[in-house]
């Protein structure tokens, strides 16, 4: 193998590996983007459920107070 052949082979290997890295970087970015999208969706779903829980707790507390107030009136 001549020095020129070795240089050419090394250049080709560098180009090939550079392309592979570019493809991998694109795949990584795509996966990151999809993951962030899914995480955001899950967080939205979670926030909606937590909001409903807080509303239900508030409603339950009001009902309990109302029942307790009625029970006090009836027991007098």
C-alpha atoms as a PDB file:
ATOM      1  CA  UNK A   1       0.000   0.000   0.000  1.00  0.00           C
ATOM      2  CA  UNK A   2       1.380   3.362  -0.998  1.00  0.00           C
ATOM      3  CA  UNK A   3       1.266   6.405   1.246  1.00  0.00           C
ATOM      4  CA  UNK A   4      -1.264   7.955  -1.146  1.00  0.00           C
ATOM      5  CA  UNK A   5      -3.480   4.856  -0.840  1.00  0.00           C
ATOM      6  CA  UNK A   6      -3.252   5.022   2.928  1.00  0.00           C
ATOM      7  CA  UNK A   7      -4.162   8.716   2.900  1.00  0.00           C
ATOM      8  CA  UNK A   8      -7.128   8.067   0.604  1.00  0.00           C
ATOM      9  CA  UNK A   9      -8.337   5.144   2.712  1.00  0.00           C
ATOM     10  CA  UNK A  10      -8.044   7.224   5.877  1.00  0.00           C
ATOM     11  CA  UNK A  11      -9.993  10.096   4.271  1.00  0.00           C
ATOM     12  CA  UNK A  12     -12.735   7.703   3.200  1.00  0.00           C
ATOM     13  CA  UNK A  13     -12.909   6.203   6.681  1.00  0.00           C
ATOM     14  CA  UNK A  14     -13.107   9.685   8.195  1.00  0.00           C
ATOM     15  CA  UNK A  15     -15.922  10.666   5.832  1.00  0.00           C
ATOM     16  CA  UNK A  16     -17.803   7.447   6.513  1.00  0.00           C
ATOM     17  CA  UNK A  17     -17.500   7.779  10.285  1.00  0.00           C
ATOM     18  CA  UNK A  18     -18.437  11.468  10.145  1.00  0.00           C
ATOM     19  CA  UNK A  19     -21.622  10.578   8.246  1.00  0.00           C
ATOM     20  CA  UNK A  20     -22.406   7.875  10.814  1.00  0.00           C
ATOM     21  CA  UNK A  21     -22.008  10.373  13.640  1.00  0.00           C
ATOM     22  CA  UNK A  22     -24.286  12.856  11.857  1.00  0.00           C
ATOM     23  CA  UNK A  23     -26.960  10.182  11.426  1.00  0.00           C
ATOM     24  CA  UNK A  24     -26.651   9.155  15.076  1.00  0.00           C
ATOM     25  CA  UNK A  25     -26.899  12.801  16.182  1.00  0.00           C
ATOM     26  CA  UNK A  26     -30.099  13.216  14.153  1.00  0.00           C
ATOM     27  CA  UNK A  27     -31.546  10.036  15.691  1.00  0.00           C
ATOM     28  CA  UNK A  28     -30.617  11.210  19.178  1.00  0.00           C
ATOM     29  CA  UNK A  29     -32.285  14.605  18.608  1.00  0.00           C
ATOM     30  CA  UNK A  30     -35.412  12.941  17.221  1.00  0.00           C
ATOM     31  CA  UNK A  31     -35.661  10.604  20.210  1.00  0.00           C
ATOM     32  CA  UNK A  32     -35.062  13.502  22.644  1.00  0.00           C
ATOM     33  CA  UNK A  33     -37.771  15.542  20.957  1.00  0.00           C
ATOM     34  CA  UNK A  34     -40.256  12.660  21.077  1.00  0.00           C
ATOM     35  CA  UNK A  35     -39.419  11.977  24.722  1.00  0.00           C
ATOM     36  CA  UNK A  36     -39.882  15.621  25.689  1.00  0.00           C
ATOM     37  CA  UNK A  37     -43.219  15.656  23.874  1.00  0.00           C
ATOM     38  CA  UNK A  38     -44.385  12.534  25.728  1.00  0.00           C
ATOM     39  CA  UNK A  39     -43.183  13.869  29.077  1.00  0.00           C
ATOM     40  CA  UNK A  40     -45.040  17.154  28.502  1.00  0.00           C
ATOM     41  CA  UNK A  41     -48.223  15.252  27.618  1.00  0.00           C
ATOM     42  CA  UNK A  42     -47.932  13.078  30.728  1.00  0.00           C
ATOM     43  CA  UNK A  43     -47.327  16.154  32.896  1.00  0.00           C
ATOM     44  CA  UNK A  44     -50.425  17.802  31.419  1.00  0.00           C
ATOM     45  CA  UNK A  45     -52.474  14.684  32.149  1.00  0.00           C
ATOM     46  CA  UNK A  46     -51.086  14.562  35.687  1.00  0.00           C
ATOM     47  CA  UNK A  47     -51.852  18.242  36.281  1.00  0.00           C
ATOM     48  CA  UNK A  48     -55.436  17.748  35.117  1.00  0.00           C
ATOM     49  CA  UNK A  49     -55.879  14.807  37.477  1.00  0.00           C
ATOM     50  CA  UNK A  50     -54.332  16.716  40.398  1.00  0.00           C
ATOM     51  CA  UNK A  51     -56.643  19.635  39.655  1.00  0.00           C
ATOM     52  CA  UNK A  52     -59.644  17.297  39.728  1.00  0.00           C
ATOM     53  CA  UNK A  53     -58.428  15.772  43.007  1.00  0.00           C
ATOM     54  CA  UNK A  54     -58.183  19.235  44.576  1.00  0.00           C
ATOM     55  CA  UNK A  55     -61.686  20.135  43.358  1.00  0.00           C
ATOM     56  CA  UNK A  56     -63.061  16.855  44.709  1.00  0.00           C
ATOM     57  CA  UNK A  57     -61.362  17.396  48.078  1.00  0.00           C
ATOM     58  CA  UNK A  58     -62.795  20.901  48.303  1.00  0.00           C
ATOM     59  CA  UNK A  59     -66.275  19.630  47.453  1.00  0.00           C
ATOM     60  CA  UNK A  60     -65.957  16.797  49.951  1.00  0.00           C
ATOM     61  CA  UNK A  61     -64.928  19.205  52.719  1.00  0.00           C
ATOM     62  CA  UNK A  62     -67.934  21.423  51.973  1.00  0.00           C
ATOM     63  CA  UNK A  63     -70.270  18.427  52.064  1.00  0.00           C
ATOM     64  CA  UNK A  64     -68.791  17.239  55.358  1.00  0.00           C
ATOM     65  CA  UNK A  65     -69.227  20.704  56.891  1.00  0.00           C
ATOM     66  CA  UNK A  66     -72.810  20.854  55.634  1.00  0.00           C
ATOM     67  CA  UNK A  67     -73.604  17.412  57.065  1.00  0.00           C
ATOM     68  CA  UNK A  68     -71.967  18.327  60.385  1.00  0.00           C
ATOM     69  CA  UNK A  69     -73.934  21.573  60.516  1.00  0.00           C
ATOM     70  CA  UNK A  70     -77.171  19.699  59.807  1.00  0.00           C
ATOM     71  CA  UNK A  71     -76.374  17.096  62.449  1.00  0.00           C
ATOM     72  CA  UNK A  72     -75.756  19.825  65.053  1.00  0.00           C
ATOM     73  CA  UNK A  73     -79.073  21.503  64.222  1.00  0.00           C
ATOM     74  CA  UNK A  74     -80.967  18.201  64.408  1.00  0.00           C
ATOM     75  CA  UNK A  75     -79.390  17.214  67.737  1.00  0.00           C
ATOM     76  CA  UNK A  76     -80.506  20.404  69.548  1.00  0.00           C
END
